[in-house]
Structure formats: C-alpha cells, structure tokens
N, C-alpha and C. Protein backbone atom coordinates (compact mmCIF):
# COMPACT_ATOMS: atom_id res chain seq x y z
N MET A 1 0.83 -1.17 0.00
CA MET A 1 0.00 0.00 0.00
C MET A 1 0.89 1.25 0.00
N LEU A 2 0.61 2.14 -0.90
CA LEU A 2 1.41 3.35 -1.00
C LEU A 2 1.03 4.35 0.07
N PRO A 3 2.03 5.04 0.62
CA PRO A 3 1.70 6.08 1.59
C PRO A 3 0.99 7.24 0.92
N TYR A 4 0.14 7.92 1.66
CA TYR A 4 -0.53 9.10 1.14
C TYR A 4 -0.42 10.21 2.15
N PRO A 5 0.02 11.40 1.82
CA PRO A 5 0.48 11.77 0.48
C PRO A 5 1.81 11.12 0.17
N TYR A 6 2.09 10.89 -1.11
CA TYR A 6 3.31 10.24 -1.58
C TYR A 6 4.29 11.32 -1.97
N SER A 7 5.34 11.47 -1.18
CA SER A 7 6.30 12.56 -1.38
C SER A 7 7.43 12.13 -2.31
N LEU A 8 8.22 13.11 -2.73
CA LEU A 8 9.40 12.83 -3.53
C LEU A 8 10.36 11.93 -2.76
N ASN A 9 10.51 12.17 -1.45
CA ASN A 9 11.37 11.33 -0.62
C ASN A 9 10.88 9.89 -0.58
N ASP A 10 9.55 9.69 -0.54
CA ASP A 10 8.98 8.34 -0.59
C ASP A 10 9.41 7.64 -1.88
N ALA A 11 9.32 8.36 -3.00
CA ALA A 11 9.69 7.79 -4.30
C ALA A 11 11.18 7.48 -4.35
N LEU A 12 12.00 8.40 -3.87
CA LEU A 12 13.45 8.18 -3.90
C LEU A 12 13.85 7.01 -3.02
N SER A 13 13.21 6.87 -1.88
CA SER A 13 13.49 5.76 -0.98
C SER A 13 13.11 4.44 -1.64
N TRP A 14 11.96 4.42 -2.31
CA TRP A 14 11.49 3.22 -2.99
C TRP A 14 12.45 2.81 -4.11
N MET A 15 13.00 3.78 -4.82
CA MET A 15 13.87 3.50 -5.97
C MET A 15 15.33 3.27 -5.58
N GLU A 16 15.69 3.56 -4.35
CA GLU A 16 17.08 3.58 -3.93
C GLU A 16 17.88 2.33 -4.30
N HIS A 17 17.28 1.17 -4.18
CA HIS A 17 18.02 -0.08 -4.40
C HIS A 17 17.66 -0.80 -5.70
N HIS A 18 16.84 -0.18 -6.54
CA HIS A 18 16.42 -0.85 -7.78
C HIS A 18 17.60 -1.26 -8.65
N TYR A 19 18.54 -0.36 -8.86
CA TYR A 19 19.68 -0.67 -9.73
C TYR A 19 20.51 -1.81 -9.15
N ASP A 20 20.83 -1.73 -7.86
CA ASP A 20 21.64 -2.78 -7.23
C ASP A 20 20.92 -4.12 -7.30
N ASN A 21 19.62 -4.13 -7.01
CA ASN A 21 18.85 -5.38 -7.07
C ASN A 21 18.85 -5.97 -8.47
N PHE A 22 18.74 -5.09 -9.48
CA PHE A 22 18.75 -5.55 -10.86
C PHE A 22 20.11 -6.16 -11.20
N MET A 23 21.17 -5.47 -10.85
CA MET A 23 22.52 -5.93 -11.18
C MET A 23 22.88 -7.22 -10.42
N GLU A 24 22.30 -7.41 -9.23
CA GLU A 24 22.56 -8.61 -8.43
C GLU A 24 21.56 -9.73 -8.73
N ASP A 25 20.68 -9.51 -9.72
CA ASP A 25 19.70 -10.51 -10.13
C ASP A 25 18.72 -10.87 -9.02
N LYS A 26 18.38 -9.90 -8.17
CA LYS A 26 17.43 -10.15 -7.07
C LYS A 26 16.01 -9.78 -7.47
N SER A 27 15.87 -8.62 -8.11
CA SER A 27 14.55 -8.18 -8.54
C SER A 27 14.72 -7.16 -9.65
N TYR A 28 13.62 -6.97 -10.39
CA TYR A 28 13.65 -6.11 -11.56
C TYR A 28 12.42 -5.22 -11.50
N GLU A 29 12.62 -3.93 -11.45
CA GLU A 29 11.54 -2.95 -11.36
C GLU A 29 11.52 -2.14 -12.66
N PHE A 30 10.34 -2.03 -13.25
CA PHE A 30 10.20 -1.28 -14.49
C PHE A 30 9.05 -0.29 -14.37
N ALA A 31 9.22 0.86 -15.02
CA ALA A 31 8.14 1.84 -15.10
C ALA A 31 7.17 1.39 -16.18
N VAL A 32 5.90 1.67 -15.98
CA VAL A 32 4.88 1.45 -17.00
C VAL A 32 4.52 2.84 -17.51
N THR A 33 4.84 3.09 -18.79
CA THR A 33 4.69 4.43 -19.35
C THR A 33 3.97 4.40 -20.68
N ASP A 34 3.54 5.58 -21.10
CA ASP A 34 3.00 5.76 -22.44
C ASP A 34 4.16 5.60 -23.42
N LYS A 35 3.98 4.80 -24.44
CA LYS A 35 5.07 4.51 -25.38
C LYS A 35 5.53 5.74 -26.15
N GLU A 36 4.63 6.68 -26.36
CA GLU A 36 5.00 7.86 -27.15
C GLU A 36 5.43 9.04 -26.29
N THR A 37 4.69 9.31 -25.23
CA THR A 37 4.98 10.52 -24.44
C THR A 37 5.88 10.25 -23.25
N GLY A 38 5.97 8.99 -22.82
CA GLY A 38 6.76 8.67 -21.64
C GLY A 38 6.04 8.95 -20.34
N GLU A 39 4.77 9.35 -20.41
CA GLU A 39 4.00 9.63 -19.19
C GLU A 39 3.96 8.38 -18.32
N LEU A 40 4.21 8.56 -17.03
CA LEU A 40 4.24 7.45 -16.09
C LEU A 40 2.83 7.04 -15.69
N PHE A 41 2.52 5.74 -15.88
CA PHE A 41 1.23 5.18 -15.48
C PHE A 41 1.34 4.41 -14.18
N GLY A 42 2.52 3.79 -13.94
CA GLY A 42 2.68 2.96 -12.75
C GLY A 42 4.00 2.21 -12.83
N ALA A 43 4.03 1.05 -12.18
CA ALA A 43 5.26 0.26 -12.15
C ALA A 43 4.91 -1.22 -12.09
N ILE A 44 5.88 -2.04 -12.50
CA ILE A 44 5.73 -3.48 -12.42
C ILE A 44 7.08 -4.06 -12.00
N ALA A 45 7.03 -5.13 -11.21
CA ALA A 45 8.26 -5.72 -10.69
C ALA A 45 8.20 -7.23 -10.78
N LEU A 46 9.38 -7.81 -10.82
CA LEU A 46 9.54 -9.26 -10.79
C LEU A 46 10.64 -9.57 -9.80
N SER A 47 10.33 -10.40 -8.80
CA SER A 47 11.37 -10.87 -7.88
C SER A 47 12.05 -12.08 -8.50
N ASN A 48 13.23 -12.44 -7.98
CA ASN A 48 13.94 -13.61 -8.48
C ASN A 48 14.44 -14.42 -7.29
N ASN A 49 13.78 -15.53 -7.02
CA ASN A 49 14.21 -16.44 -5.97
C ASN A 49 15.06 -17.52 -6.63
N LYS A 50 16.37 -17.34 -6.58
CA LYS A 50 17.29 -18.24 -7.27
C LYS A 50 17.24 -19.66 -6.71
N ARG A 51 17.02 -19.78 -5.43
CA ARG A 51 16.99 -21.12 -4.80
C ARG A 51 15.90 -22.00 -5.40
N PHE A 52 14.74 -21.39 -5.66
CA PHE A 52 13.62 -22.17 -6.18
C PHE A 52 13.34 -21.89 -7.66
N ASN A 53 14.13 -21.00 -8.26
CA ASN A 53 13.99 -20.64 -9.66
C ASN A 53 12.58 -20.17 -10.01
N HIS A 54 12.05 -19.31 -9.14
CA HIS A 54 10.75 -18.71 -9.43
C HIS A 54 10.77 -17.24 -9.03
N GLY A 55 9.74 -16.53 -9.48
CA GLY A 55 9.64 -15.11 -9.17
C GLY A 55 8.19 -14.70 -9.01
N GLU A 56 8.01 -13.57 -8.35
CA GLU A 56 6.68 -13.02 -8.13
C GLU A 56 6.53 -11.72 -8.88
N ILE A 57 5.41 -11.57 -9.57
CA ILE A 57 5.07 -10.32 -10.23
C ILE A 57 4.24 -9.47 -9.27
N ALA A 58 4.55 -8.19 -9.23
CA ALA A 58 3.75 -7.22 -8.48
C ALA A 58 3.64 -5.96 -9.32
N TYR A 59 2.51 -5.27 -9.24
CA TYR A 59 2.34 -4.08 -10.07
C TYR A 59 1.36 -3.12 -9.42
N TRP A 60 1.46 -1.87 -9.85
CA TRP A 60 0.47 -0.86 -9.49
C TRP A 60 0.34 0.11 -10.65
N ILE A 61 -0.86 0.57 -10.85
CA ILE A 61 -1.16 1.56 -11.88
C ILE A 61 -2.00 2.66 -11.22
N ASP A 62 -1.66 3.89 -11.52
CA ASP A 62 -2.41 5.02 -10.97
C ASP A 62 -3.86 4.94 -11.45
N GLU A 63 -4.78 5.23 -10.56
CA GLU A 63 -6.21 5.03 -10.81
C GLU A 63 -6.74 5.64 -12.12
N PRO A 64 -6.30 6.83 -12.54
CA PRO A 64 -6.84 7.36 -13.81
C PRO A 64 -6.56 6.48 -15.03
N TYR A 65 -5.61 5.56 -14.92
CA TYR A 65 -5.21 4.72 -16.05
C TYR A 65 -5.77 3.30 -15.98
N TRP A 66 -6.60 3.02 -14.98
CA TRP A 66 -7.20 1.70 -14.84
C TRP A 66 -8.08 1.39 -16.05
N GLY A 67 -8.18 0.13 -16.40
CA GLY A 67 -9.11 -0.32 -17.42
C GLY A 67 -8.67 -0.08 -18.85
N ASN A 68 -7.42 0.28 -19.07
CA ASN A 68 -6.92 0.54 -20.42
C ASN A 68 -5.99 -0.55 -20.94
N GLY A 69 -5.80 -1.61 -20.18
CA GLY A 69 -4.96 -2.72 -20.63
C GLY A 69 -3.47 -2.53 -20.37
N TYR A 70 -3.09 -1.46 -19.69
CA TYR A 70 -1.66 -1.21 -19.45
C TYR A 70 -1.04 -2.28 -18.57
N VAL A 71 -1.74 -2.70 -17.54
CA VAL A 71 -1.19 -3.72 -16.64
C VAL A 71 -1.06 -5.05 -17.37
N THR A 72 -2.07 -5.40 -18.14
CA THR A 72 -2.01 -6.67 -18.88
C THR A 72 -0.82 -6.68 -19.83
N GLU A 73 -0.62 -5.60 -20.56
CA GLU A 73 0.51 -5.52 -21.49
C GLU A 73 1.84 -5.60 -20.74
N ALA A 74 1.94 -4.87 -19.63
CA ALA A 74 3.18 -4.89 -18.84
C ALA A 74 3.41 -6.27 -18.23
N ALA A 75 2.34 -6.89 -17.73
CA ALA A 75 2.47 -8.21 -17.10
C ALA A 75 2.87 -9.26 -18.14
N GLN A 76 2.32 -9.17 -19.34
CA GLN A 76 2.70 -10.11 -20.40
C GLN A 76 4.17 -9.94 -20.74
N SER A 77 4.62 -8.70 -20.79
CA SER A 77 6.02 -8.42 -21.12
C SER A 77 6.97 -8.92 -20.04
N ILE A 78 6.60 -8.69 -18.78
CA ILE A 78 7.50 -9.12 -17.71
C ILE A 78 7.49 -10.64 -17.56
N LEU A 79 6.39 -11.27 -17.90
CA LEU A 79 6.33 -12.73 -17.90
C LEU A 79 7.26 -13.29 -18.99
N GLN A 80 7.24 -12.68 -20.15
CA GLN A 80 8.15 -13.07 -21.22
C GLN A 80 9.60 -12.87 -20.79
N PHE A 81 9.90 -11.76 -20.13
CA PHE A 81 11.22 -11.48 -19.60
C PHE A 81 11.63 -12.57 -18.59
N ALA A 82 10.70 -12.95 -17.72
CA ALA A 82 10.98 -13.95 -16.69
C ALA A 82 11.33 -15.30 -17.30
N PHE A 83 10.58 -15.71 -18.29
CA PHE A 83 10.78 -17.03 -18.87
C PHE A 83 11.89 -17.07 -19.93
N GLU A 84 11.94 -16.05 -20.79
CA GLU A 84 12.91 -16.09 -21.89
C GLU A 84 14.28 -15.55 -21.50
N GLU A 85 14.32 -14.48 -20.73
CA GLU A 85 15.60 -13.87 -20.37
C GLU A 85 16.17 -14.46 -19.08
N LYS A 86 15.33 -14.61 -18.07
CA LYS A 86 15.79 -15.07 -16.77
C LYS A 86 15.64 -16.57 -16.57
N LYS A 87 14.97 -17.23 -17.50
CA LYS A 87 14.81 -18.70 -17.50
C LYS A 87 14.20 -19.23 -16.19
N LEU A 88 13.25 -18.48 -15.63
CA LEU A 88 12.58 -18.94 -14.41
C LEU A 88 11.67 -20.12 -14.74
N HIS A 89 11.52 -21.02 -13.79
CA HIS A 89 10.64 -22.18 -13.96
C HIS A 89 9.17 -21.80 -13.72
N LYS A 90 8.95 -20.88 -12.77
CA LYS A 90 7.59 -20.52 -12.40
C LYS A 90 7.53 -19.04 -12.05
N VAL A 91 6.37 -18.44 -12.35
CA VAL A 91 6.08 -17.08 -11.92
C VAL A 91 4.73 -17.11 -11.22
N PHE A 92 4.63 -16.38 -10.12
CA PHE A 92 3.37 -16.33 -9.38
C PHE A 92 3.02 -14.89 -9.04
N ALA A 93 1.78 -14.70 -8.63
CA ALA A 93 1.30 -13.39 -8.21
C ALA A 93 0.16 -13.61 -7.22
N ARG A 94 -0.06 -12.62 -6.39
CA ARG A 94 -1.13 -12.71 -5.39
C ARG A 94 -1.93 -11.41 -5.41
N TYR A 95 -3.21 -11.51 -5.06
CA TYR A 95 -4.04 -10.30 -4.98
C TYR A 95 -5.07 -10.43 -3.88
N PHE A 96 -5.54 -9.27 -3.42
CA PHE A 96 -6.62 -9.24 -2.43
C PHE A 96 -7.93 -9.58 -3.12
N PRO A 97 -8.81 -10.36 -2.48
CA PRO A 97 -10.09 -10.70 -3.09
C PRO A 97 -10.92 -9.47 -3.50
N SER A 98 -10.67 -8.35 -2.86
CA SER A 98 -11.40 -7.12 -3.21
C SER A 98 -10.91 -6.51 -4.53
N ASN A 99 -9.80 -7.00 -5.06
CA ASN A 99 -9.22 -6.45 -6.29
C ASN A 99 -9.36 -7.46 -7.43
N LEU A 100 -10.60 -7.69 -7.85
CA LEU A 100 -10.86 -8.69 -8.89
C LEU A 100 -10.19 -8.35 -10.21
N ALA A 101 -10.00 -7.07 -10.50
CA ALA A 101 -9.35 -6.67 -11.75
C ALA A 101 -7.93 -7.22 -11.82
N SER A 102 -7.26 -7.28 -10.69
CA SER A 102 -5.91 -7.83 -10.67
C SER A 102 -5.93 -9.31 -11.01
N GLY A 103 -6.90 -10.03 -10.49
CA GLY A 103 -7.04 -11.44 -10.81
C GLY A 103 -7.32 -11.66 -12.30
N LYS A 104 -8.08 -10.75 -12.90
CA LYS A 104 -8.38 -10.87 -14.34
C LYS A 104 -7.11 -10.68 -15.16
N VAL A 105 -6.24 -9.78 -14.73
CA VAL A 105 -4.96 -9.60 -15.42
C VAL A 105 -4.18 -10.91 -15.38
N MET A 106 -4.13 -11.54 -14.22
CA MET A 106 -3.39 -12.79 -14.07
C MET A 106 -3.95 -13.87 -14.99
N GLU A 107 -5.25 -13.94 -15.10
CA GLU A 107 -5.87 -14.92 -16.00
C GLU A 107 -5.56 -14.60 -17.46
N LYS A 108 -5.58 -13.31 -17.83
CA LYS A 108 -5.32 -12.91 -19.22
C LYS A 108 -3.92 -13.28 -19.67
N ILE A 109 -2.97 -13.33 -18.74
CA ILE A 109 -1.60 -13.67 -19.14
C ILE A 109 -1.31 -15.17 -18.97
N GLY A 110 -2.36 -15.94 -18.70
CA GLY A 110 -2.23 -17.39 -18.67
C GLY A 110 -2.02 -18.02 -17.31
N MET A 111 -2.04 -17.22 -16.26
CA MET A 111 -1.87 -17.79 -14.92
C MET A 111 -3.13 -18.52 -14.50
N LYS A 112 -2.94 -19.51 -13.64
CA LYS A 112 -4.05 -20.30 -13.11
C LYS A 112 -4.13 -20.10 -11.61
N LYS A 113 -5.36 -20.07 -11.10
CA LYS A 113 -5.56 -19.95 -9.66
C LYS A 113 -5.07 -21.22 -8.98
N GLU A 114 -4.20 -21.04 -7.99
CA GLU A 114 -3.65 -22.19 -7.27
C GLU A 114 -4.22 -22.32 -5.87
N GLY A 115 -4.82 -21.26 -5.36
CA GLY A 115 -5.40 -21.37 -4.04
C GLY A 115 -5.58 -20.02 -3.37
N ILE A 116 -6.07 -20.09 -2.14
CA ILE A 116 -6.28 -18.90 -1.34
C ILE A 116 -5.50 -19.05 -0.05
N LEU A 117 -4.72 -18.05 0.27
CA LEU A 117 -4.00 -18.00 1.54
C LEU A 117 -4.92 -17.29 2.52
N ASN A 118 -5.57 -18.06 3.39
CA ASN A 118 -6.59 -17.52 4.29
C ASN A 118 -6.00 -16.63 5.36
N GLU A 119 -6.61 -15.44 5.51
CA GLU A 119 -6.21 -14.47 6.53
C GLU A 119 -4.69 -14.36 6.61
N HIS A 120 -4.07 -14.17 5.47
CA HIS A 120 -2.61 -14.25 5.33
C HIS A 120 -1.88 -12.97 5.72
N VAL A 121 -2.51 -11.83 5.54
CA VAL A 121 -1.88 -10.54 5.86
C VAL A 121 -2.87 -9.65 6.60
N ILE A 122 -2.33 -8.60 7.18
CA ILE A 122 -3.18 -7.60 7.84
C ILE A 122 -3.24 -6.37 6.96
N LYS A 123 -4.44 -5.94 6.63
CA LYS A 123 -4.67 -4.74 5.84
C LYS A 123 -5.78 -3.96 6.52
N ASP A 124 -5.53 -2.68 6.75
CA ASP A 124 -6.51 -1.84 7.44
C ASP A 124 -6.95 -2.47 8.76
N SER A 125 -5.98 -2.99 9.50
CA SER A 125 -6.18 -3.58 10.83
C SER A 125 -7.05 -4.84 10.83
N LYS A 126 -7.19 -5.48 9.67
CA LYS A 126 -7.98 -6.71 9.58
C LYS A 126 -7.16 -7.78 8.85
N TYR A 127 -7.36 -9.03 9.24
CA TYR A 127 -6.75 -10.13 8.51
C TYR A 127 -7.51 -10.32 7.19
N VAL A 128 -6.75 -10.42 6.10
CA VAL A 128 -7.39 -10.61 4.80
C VAL A 128 -6.70 -11.75 4.05
N ASP A 129 -7.46 -12.35 3.15
CA ASP A 129 -6.97 -13.43 2.31
C ASP A 129 -6.13 -12.88 1.17
N LEU A 130 -5.30 -13.74 0.61
CA LEU A 130 -4.61 -13.46 -0.64
C LEU A 130 -4.93 -14.59 -1.60
N VAL A 131 -5.33 -14.25 -2.81
CA VAL A 131 -5.59 -15.24 -3.85
C VAL A 131 -4.29 -15.42 -4.62
N TYR A 132 -3.89 -16.67 -4.79
CA TYR A 132 -2.58 -17.03 -5.34
C TYR A 132 -2.76 -17.60 -6.74
N TYR A 133 -2.02 -17.03 -7.71
CA TYR A 133 -2.02 -17.51 -9.09
C TYR A 133 -0.60 -17.85 -9.49
N GLY A 134 -0.44 -18.78 -10.43
CA GLY A 134 0.89 -19.13 -10.90
C GLY A 134 0.87 -19.65 -12.32
N ILE A 135 2.06 -19.70 -12.90
CA ILE A 135 2.22 -20.24 -14.25
C ILE A 135 3.62 -20.85 -14.34
N ILE A 136 3.68 -22.01 -14.98
CA ILE A 136 4.94 -22.73 -15.18
C ILE A 136 5.47 -22.41 -16.57
N ASN A 137 6.77 -22.27 -16.69
CA ASN A 137 7.42 -22.07 -17.98
C ASN A 137 7.35 -23.37 -18.77
N GLU A 138 6.54 -23.41 -19.79
CA GLU A 138 6.34 -24.63 -20.57
C GLU A 138 7.63 -25.10 -21.24
N LYS A 139 8.52 -24.17 -21.56
CA LYS A 139 9.78 -24.54 -22.21
C LYS A 139 10.76 -25.17 -21.22
N ASP A 140 10.44 -25.08 -19.93
CA ASP A 140 11.31 -25.58 -18.89
C ASP A 140 10.98 -27.03 -18.51
N GLU A 141 9.87 -27.53 -19.01
CA GLU A 141 9.43 -28.87 -18.60
C GLU A 141 10.10 -29.95 -19.41
C-alpha cells in the first residue's frame, strides 16, 4: 500500500536499491509508461528467488489509467522477460479478493488460480486473504 500523500522522498526511498537489485539478479523494477509521451502510469516488478527458480510479479497503476490494458501488457512483457531472459521455472502473483481486476490480469496472461492463503496478511487492521495464481514455464518442462 502506497503512503498518502506520496512525497518525492517516498519515491526516492522506494527507488534507492532498484539498480543494485537488478545488477545482483534479485529483482527487476520497471516503469509502466505511455510509449509515445513517456508519461508514467505505474510500475511493475519481478522478484527472483534463485533457490527455487521462481519469481513473483507485483504491479500498481495510478487510478486514472485503470481499465486501459496497461497492466495486462506490462504483465505479459515481464512474464516473457521472466521465462525467456531469466529462465525462471515458475512465476506467481497474489491479490486481495477485493481487487478482482488484478485477478483478471493474471488470468489474461495465462496464470491459473492455485489457491487462497486464508487471513494471510493484515490490511486496514484486519486479517485478509490473498488469492494465489501461478504459471509454469512450458519450455522448462
């Protein structure tokens, strides 16, 4: 959950280790932007768990840009990056049951629902579930 208001210092703190993490093959953070103007819509990330050869996708898009397919396009691209460039065996993602649009993105890029992590995290002082999706690299089998 992003802090509000979101200050320049919040952004700089969030970005502080992106380059090092990328160079150390720990995680990869990318901006989601307009292809022509470069306007920032949001961000997408992929973690890299080398021990298990899998990674998690996470993303956020600013509310005015919801429903335009930007997340789906970014998620498809980062999934391709995960499987073709990083040779991961599996990619997974999780979402709150209240965010059905996120689950639809996961389905559109070929992920399958694997289960629900019951009361897995605390959000707004309440225990909430996380819906878990995953996809196996078919070229890795």
